[in-house]
């Protein structure tokens, strides 16, 4: 929450929204794909809740500019965030618990997580 407040006061979310809008060239579907991909990649290295807290202001601003319902964009981001969180040992709390277990090695965990 503190990170979100600091980023908000610094204008980071406005800057990120403008960059995403320019990358998507103002088209809704490329913007949604960019946001979801970014959420998935970031969730592989941060907690899912932290990622969504950081992405929500950007997604809401972009959705308002493009006249989209932000709920649908946020739901898609949450799904991608969950998928990205399972990709690494540090992305999800259950993965951290499994990896820190003395009976299961990380290589075995990765093999089981990615068939």
N, C-alpha and C. Protein backbone atom coordinates (compact mmCIF):
# COMPACT_ATOMS: atom_id res chain seq x y z
N UNK A 1 0.82 -1.19 0.00
CA UNK A 1 0.00 0.00 0.00
C UNK A 1 0.87 1.26 0.00
N UNK A 2 1.97 1.20 0.72
CA UNK A 2 2.86 2.35 0.77
C UNK A 2 3.47 2.59 -0.61
N UNK A 3 3.87 1.49 -1.28
CA UNK A 3 4.42 1.64 -2.64
C UNK A 3 3.42 2.29 -3.58
N UNK A 4 2.17 1.88 -3.50
CA UNK A 4 1.14 2.44 -4.36
C UNK A 4 0.97 3.92 -4.09
N UNK A 5 0.98 4.33 -2.83
CA UNK A 5 0.85 5.74 -2.48
C UNK A 5 2.03 6.56 -3.00
N UNK A 6 3.23 6.01 -2.86
CA UNK A 6 4.43 6.73 -3.33
C UNK A 6 4.42 6.86 -4.84
N UNK A 7 4.10 5.75 -5.53
CA UNK A 7 4.04 5.80 -6.99
C UNK A 7 2.96 6.76 -7.46
N UNK A 8 1.85 6.80 -6.77
CA UNK A 8 0.75 7.68 -7.15
C UNK A 8 1.15 9.15 -7.01
N UNK A 9 1.79 9.49 -5.91
CA UNK A 9 2.20 10.88 -5.69
C UNK A 9 3.29 11.32 -6.66
N UNK A 10 4.10 10.39 -7.09
CA UNK A 10 5.20 10.74 -7.99
C UNK A 10 4.76 10.89 -9.45
N UNK A 11 3.54 10.46 -9.77
CA UNK A 11 3.07 10.56 -11.14
C UNK A 11 3.44 9.36 -11.99
N UNK A 12 3.92 8.30 -11.36
CA UNK A 12 4.34 7.11 -12.10
C UNK A 12 3.18 6.48 -12.86
N UNK A 13 2.00 6.43 -12.25
CA UNK A 13 0.86 5.79 -12.89
C UNK A 13 0.42 6.55 -14.14
N UNK A 14 0.48 7.88 -14.08
CA UNK A 14 0.15 8.67 -15.28
C UNK A 14 1.16 8.41 -16.39
N UNK A 15 2.43 8.37 -16.01
CA UNK A 15 3.48 8.10 -17.00
C UNK A 15 3.30 6.71 -17.62
N UNK A 16 3.04 5.71 -16.77
CA UNK A 16 2.86 4.34 -17.26
C UNK A 16 1.63 4.24 -18.16
N UNK A 17 0.55 4.93 -17.81
CA UNK A 17 -0.66 4.91 -18.63
C UNK A 17 -0.39 5.52 -20.01
N UNK A 18 0.34 6.61 -20.05
CA UNK A 18 0.66 7.24 -21.34
C UNK A 18 1.54 6.32 -22.18
N UNK A 19 2.53 5.66 -21.56
CA UNK A 19 3.40 4.75 -22.29
C UNK A 19 2.62 3.56 -22.86
N UNK A 20 1.73 2.99 -22.04
CA UNK A 20 0.93 1.85 -22.52
C UNK A 20 0.00 2.28 -23.65
N UNK A 21 -0.58 3.48 -23.52
CA UNK A 21 -1.48 3.99 -24.55
C UNK A 21 -0.72 4.18 -25.87
N UNK A 22 0.49 4.71 -25.78
CA UNK A 22 1.29 4.90 -26.99
C UNK A 22 1.70 3.57 -27.61
N UNK A 23 2.08 2.60 -26.77
CA UNK A 23 2.46 1.28 -27.28
C UNK A 23 1.29 0.60 -27.98
N UNK A 24 0.10 0.76 -27.42
CA UNK A 24 -1.09 0.12 -28.00
C UNK A 24 -1.69 0.95 -29.13
N UNK A 25 -1.16 2.17 -29.35
CA UNK A 25 -1.65 3.08 -30.38
C UNK A 25 -3.14 3.38 -30.23
N UNK A 26 -3.60 3.39 -28.98
CA UNK A 26 -4.98 3.75 -28.70
C UNK A 26 -6.01 2.67 -28.98
N UNK A 27 -5.56 1.46 -29.29
CA UNK A 27 -6.49 0.36 -29.58
C UNK A 27 -6.72 -0.47 -28.32
N UNK A 28 -7.96 -0.86 -28.05
CA UNK A 28 -8.27 -1.55 -26.79
C UNK A 28 -7.63 -2.93 -26.64
N UNK A 29 -7.72 -3.79 -27.64
CA UNK A 29 -7.21 -5.15 -27.48
C UNK A 29 -5.71 -5.21 -27.29
N UNK A 30 -4.92 -4.49 -28.07
CA UNK A 30 -3.47 -4.49 -27.79
C UNK A 30 -3.14 -3.95 -26.40
N UNK A 31 -3.92 -2.96 -25.95
CA UNK A 31 -3.69 -2.43 -24.61
C UNK A 31 -3.96 -3.49 -23.54
N UNK A 32 -5.06 -4.22 -23.69
CA UNK A 32 -5.39 -5.27 -22.73
C UNK A 32 -4.33 -6.36 -22.73
N UNK A 33 -3.86 -6.73 -23.91
CA UNK A 33 -2.82 -7.76 -24.01
C UNK A 33 -1.53 -7.27 -23.35
N UNK A 34 -1.16 -6.01 -23.57
CA UNK A 34 0.04 -5.46 -22.94
C UNK A 34 -0.09 -5.45 -21.42
N UNK A 35 -1.22 -5.00 -20.91
CA UNK A 35 -1.43 -4.95 -19.47
C UNK A 35 -1.39 -6.34 -18.85
N UNK A 36 -2.05 -7.28 -19.49
CA UNK A 36 -2.08 -8.65 -18.95
C UNK A 36 -0.71 -9.30 -18.99
N UNK A 37 0.01 -9.11 -20.08
CA UNK A 37 1.36 -9.67 -20.19
C UNK A 37 2.28 -9.07 -19.13
N UNK A 38 2.20 -7.76 -18.97
CA UNK A 38 3.02 -7.09 -17.96
C UNK A 38 2.68 -7.60 -16.56
N UNK A 39 1.39 -7.76 -16.28
CA UNK A 39 0.97 -8.27 -14.96
C UNK A 39 1.50 -9.69 -14.73
N UNK A 40 1.46 -10.51 -15.75
CA UNK A 40 1.96 -11.88 -15.62
C UNK A 40 3.46 -11.93 -15.37
N UNK A 41 4.21 -11.12 -16.09
CA UNK A 41 5.67 -11.13 -15.94
C UNK A 41 6.06 -10.57 -14.56
N UNK A 42 5.43 -9.49 -14.15
CA UNK A 42 5.76 -8.90 -12.85
C UNK A 42 5.36 -9.84 -11.72
N UNK A 43 4.26 -10.57 -11.87
CA UNK A 43 3.81 -11.49 -10.83
C UNK A 43 4.75 -12.67 -10.65
N UNK A 44 5.57 -12.94 -11.63
CA UNK A 44 6.54 -14.02 -11.47
C UNK A 44 7.60 -13.65 -10.44
N UNK A 45 7.78 -12.35 -10.20
CA UNK A 45 8.83 -11.90 -9.29
C UNK A 45 8.31 -11.17 -8.07
N UNK A 46 7.07 -10.70 -8.10
CA UNK A 46 6.43 -10.06 -6.96
C UNK A 46 5.19 -10.87 -6.57
N UNK A 47 4.65 -10.56 -5.42
CA UNK A 47 3.42 -11.19 -4.99
C UNK A 47 2.27 -10.73 -5.88
N UNK A 48 1.28 -11.59 -6.08
CA UNK A 48 0.15 -11.27 -6.96
C UNK A 48 -0.62 -10.04 -6.49
N UNK A 49 -0.85 -9.95 -5.20
CA UNK A 49 -1.62 -8.82 -4.67
C UNK A 49 -0.87 -7.51 -4.89
N UNK A 50 0.43 -7.52 -4.68
CA UNK A 50 1.24 -6.33 -4.91
C UNK A 50 1.18 -5.92 -6.38
N UNK A 51 1.27 -6.88 -7.26
CA UNK A 51 1.21 -6.59 -8.69
C UNK A 51 -0.11 -5.96 -9.07
N UNK A 52 -1.21 -6.52 -8.59
CA UNK A 52 -2.52 -5.98 -8.94
C UNK A 52 -2.72 -4.60 -8.33
N UNK A 53 -2.21 -4.39 -7.10
CA UNK A 53 -2.30 -3.06 -6.50
C UNK A 53 -1.53 -2.03 -7.32
N UNK A 54 -0.42 -2.42 -7.89
CA UNK A 54 0.36 -1.50 -8.71
C UNK A 54 -0.28 -1.28 -10.09
N UNK A 55 -0.94 -2.30 -10.61
CA UNK A 55 -1.51 -2.20 -11.96
C UNK A 55 -2.90 -1.56 -12.01
N UNK A 56 -3.63 -1.61 -10.91
CA UNK A 56 -5.02 -1.14 -10.92
C UNK A 56 -5.17 0.33 -11.32
N UNK A 57 -4.39 1.27 -10.76
CA UNK A 57 -4.57 2.66 -11.19
C UNK A 57 -4.31 2.88 -12.67
N UNK A 58 -3.30 2.21 -13.21
CA UNK A 58 -2.99 2.35 -14.63
C UNK A 58 -4.13 1.78 -15.47
N UNK A 59 -4.63 0.63 -15.09
CA UNK A 59 -5.70 -0.02 -15.85
C UNK A 59 -6.98 0.80 -15.82
N UNK A 60 -7.31 1.37 -14.67
CA UNK A 60 -8.53 2.17 -14.57
C UNK A 60 -8.42 3.42 -15.41
N UNK A 61 -7.27 4.09 -15.38
CA UNK A 61 -7.10 5.30 -16.19
C UNK A 61 -7.18 4.99 -17.68
N UNK A 62 -6.52 3.93 -18.11
CA UNK A 62 -6.57 3.57 -19.53
C UNK A 62 -7.96 3.13 -19.95
N UNK A 63 -8.66 2.44 -19.09
CA UNK A 63 -10.02 2.00 -19.41
C UNK A 63 -10.95 3.19 -19.55
N UNK A 64 -10.78 4.19 -18.71
CA UNK A 64 -11.61 5.39 -18.80
C UNK A 64 -11.34 6.15 -20.09
N UNK A 65 -10.07 6.22 -20.49
CA UNK A 65 -9.73 6.92 -21.74
C UNK A 65 -10.33 6.21 -22.94
N UNK A 66 -10.32 4.87 -22.92
CA UNK A 66 -10.81 4.10 -24.06
C UNK A 66 -12.29 3.72 -23.93
N UNK A 67 -12.98 4.25 -22.93
CA UNK A 67 -14.41 3.97 -22.69
C UNK A 67 -14.67 2.47 -22.52
N UNK A 68 -13.82 1.82 -21.75
CA UNK A 68 -13.99 0.40 -21.44
C UNK A 68 -14.41 0.26 -19.98
N UNK A 69 -15.08 -0.84 -19.67
CA UNK A 69 -15.41 -1.15 -18.29
C UNK A 69 -14.16 -1.70 -17.62
N UNK A 70 -13.60 -1.02 -16.62
CA UNK A 70 -12.34 -1.47 -16.03
C UNK A 70 -12.44 -2.80 -15.30
N UNK A 71 -13.65 -3.22 -14.93
CA UNK A 71 -13.78 -4.49 -14.22
C UNK A 71 -13.30 -5.66 -15.07
N UNK A 72 -13.63 -5.65 -16.35
CA UNK A 72 -13.23 -6.75 -17.23
C UNK A 72 -11.73 -6.77 -17.46
N UNK A 73 -11.14 -5.59 -17.58
CA UNK A 73 -9.69 -5.51 -17.76
C UNK A 73 -8.99 -6.01 -16.50
N UNK A 74 -9.49 -5.62 -15.34
CA UNK A 74 -8.88 -6.04 -14.08
C UNK A 74 -9.03 -7.54 -13.85
N UNK A 75 -10.16 -8.11 -14.24
CA UNK A 75 -10.33 -9.56 -14.10
C UNK A 75 -9.32 -10.29 -14.97
N UNK A 76 -9.11 -9.82 -16.19
CA UNK A 76 -8.12 -10.44 -17.07
C UNK A 76 -6.72 -10.32 -16.47
N UNK A 77 -6.41 -9.17 -15.88
CA UNK A 77 -5.09 -8.99 -15.26
C UNK A 77 -4.91 -9.92 -14.06
N UNK A 78 -5.96 -10.10 -13.28
CA UNK A 78 -5.88 -11.00 -12.12
C UNK A 78 -5.59 -12.43 -12.57
N UNK A 79 -6.24 -12.86 -13.64
CA UNK A 79 -6.01 -14.21 -14.15
C UNK A 79 -4.56 -14.35 -14.61
N UNK A 80 -4.06 -13.38 -15.35
CA UNK A 80 -2.68 -13.44 -15.83
C UNK A 80 -1.70 -13.34 -14.67
N UNK A 81 -2.06 -12.56 -13.65
CA UNK A 81 -1.21 -12.43 -12.47
C UNK A 81 -1.10 -13.77 -11.73
N UNK A 82 -2.20 -14.48 -11.63
CA UNK A 82 -2.17 -15.80 -11.00
C UNK A 82 -1.33 -16.78 -11.80
N UNK A 83 -1.46 -16.74 -13.10
CA UNK A 83 -0.65 -17.62 -13.95
C UNK A 83 0.83 -17.27 -13.83
N UNK A 84 1.15 -16.00 -13.86
CA UNK A 84 2.54 -15.58 -13.74
C UNK A 84 3.12 -15.90 -12.37
N UNK A 85 2.29 -15.83 -11.34
CA UNK A 85 2.77 -16.14 -10.00
C UNK A 85 3.16 -17.59 -9.81
N UNK A 86 2.53 -18.47 -10.57
CA UNK A 86 2.88 -19.89 -10.45
C UNK A 86 4.12 -20.25 -11.26
N UNK A 87 4.64 -19.34 -12.03
CA UNK A 87 5.76 -19.64 -12.91
C UNK A 87 7.08 -19.79 -12.16
N UNK A 88 7.22 -19.12 -11.02
CA UNK A 88 8.48 -19.19 -10.28
C UNK A 88 8.20 -19.57 -8.83
N UNK A 89 9.27 -19.86 -8.12
CA UNK A 89 9.13 -20.26 -6.72
C UNK A 89 8.79 -19.09 -5.82
N UNK A 90 9.05 -17.87 -6.25
CA UNK A 90 8.79 -16.72 -5.39
C UNK A 90 7.52 -15.97 -5.76
N UNK A 91 6.81 -16.39 -6.78
CA UNK A 91 5.65 -15.66 -7.26
C UNK A 91 4.39 -15.86 -6.45
N UNK A 92 4.24 -16.98 -5.80
CA UNK A 92 3.05 -17.31 -5.02
C UNK A 92 3.45 -17.80 -3.64
N UNK A 93 2.68 -17.47 -2.60
CA UNK A 93 2.99 -17.99 -1.26
C UNK A 93 3.02 -19.52 -1.17
N UNK A 94 2.10 -20.26 -1.83
CA UNK A 94 2.22 -21.72 -1.76
C UNK A 94 3.53 -22.24 -2.38
N UNK A 95 3.98 -21.59 -3.43
CA UNK A 95 5.25 -22.00 -4.03
C UNK A 95 6.41 -21.78 -3.07
N UNK A 96 6.37 -20.68 -2.33
CA UNK A 96 7.43 -20.41 -1.35
C UNK A 96 7.42 -21.48 -0.27
N UNK A 97 6.24 -21.86 0.18
CA UNK A 97 6.13 -22.89 1.21
C UNK A 97 6.66 -24.22 0.70
N UNK A 98 6.33 -24.56 -0.53
CA UNK A 98 6.79 -25.83 -1.09
C UNK A 98 8.29 -25.83 -1.26
N UNK A 99 8.84 -24.74 -1.75
CA UNK A 99 10.28 -24.69 -2.01
C UNK A 99 11.07 -24.69 -0.70
N UNK A 100 10.55 -24.05 0.33
CA UNK A 100 11.28 -24.01 1.60
C UNK A 100 11.12 -25.28 2.41
N UNK A 101 10.28 -26.18 1.96
CA UNK A 101 10.13 -27.46 2.64
C UNK A 101 11.41 -28.26 2.48
N UNK A 102 11.91 -28.84 3.57
CA UNK A 102 13.18 -29.57 3.47
C UNK A 102 13.06 -30.88 2.68
N UNK A 103 11.84 -31.34 2.47
CA UNK A 103 11.66 -32.63 1.81
C UNK A 103 11.53 -32.51 0.28
N UNK A 104 11.29 -31.30 -0.20
CA UNK A 104 11.09 -31.11 -1.63
C UNK A 104 12.15 -30.15 -2.16
N UNK A 105 12.84 -30.56 -3.18
CA UNK A 105 13.85 -29.70 -3.78
C UNK A 105 13.20 -28.80 -4.83
N UNK A 106 13.84 -27.68 -5.13
CA UNK A 106 13.28 -26.72 -6.08
C UNK A 106 13.16 -27.31 -7.48
N UNK A 107 14.09 -28.14 -7.88
CA UNK A 107 14.02 -28.74 -9.21
C UNK A 107 12.80 -29.62 -9.34
N UNK A 108 12.50 -30.35 -8.29
CA UNK A 108 11.32 -31.22 -8.30
C UNK A 108 10.07 -30.37 -8.37
N UNK A 109 10.05 -29.26 -7.62
CA UNK A 109 8.90 -28.36 -7.63
C UNK A 109 8.67 -27.78 -9.02
N UNK A 110 9.72 -27.36 -9.67
CA UNK A 110 9.59 -26.80 -11.02
C UNK A 110 9.13 -27.84 -12.03
N UNK A 111 9.60 -29.05 -11.88
CA UNK A 111 9.16 -30.11 -12.78
C UNK A 111 7.68 -30.42 -12.58
N UNK A 112 7.24 -30.40 -11.33
CA UNK A 112 5.83 -30.66 -11.07
C UNK A 112 4.94 -29.49 -11.48
N UNK A 113 5.45 -28.27 -11.39
CA UNK A 113 4.64 -27.09 -11.72
C UNK A 113 4.50 -26.92 -13.23
N UNK A 114 5.47 -27.36 -13.99
CA UNK A 114 5.47 -27.17 -15.45
C UNK A 114 5.63 -28.52 -16.14
N UNK A 115 4.50 -29.20 -16.38
CA UNK A 115 4.59 -30.54 -17.01
C UNK A 115 5.07 -30.51 -18.45
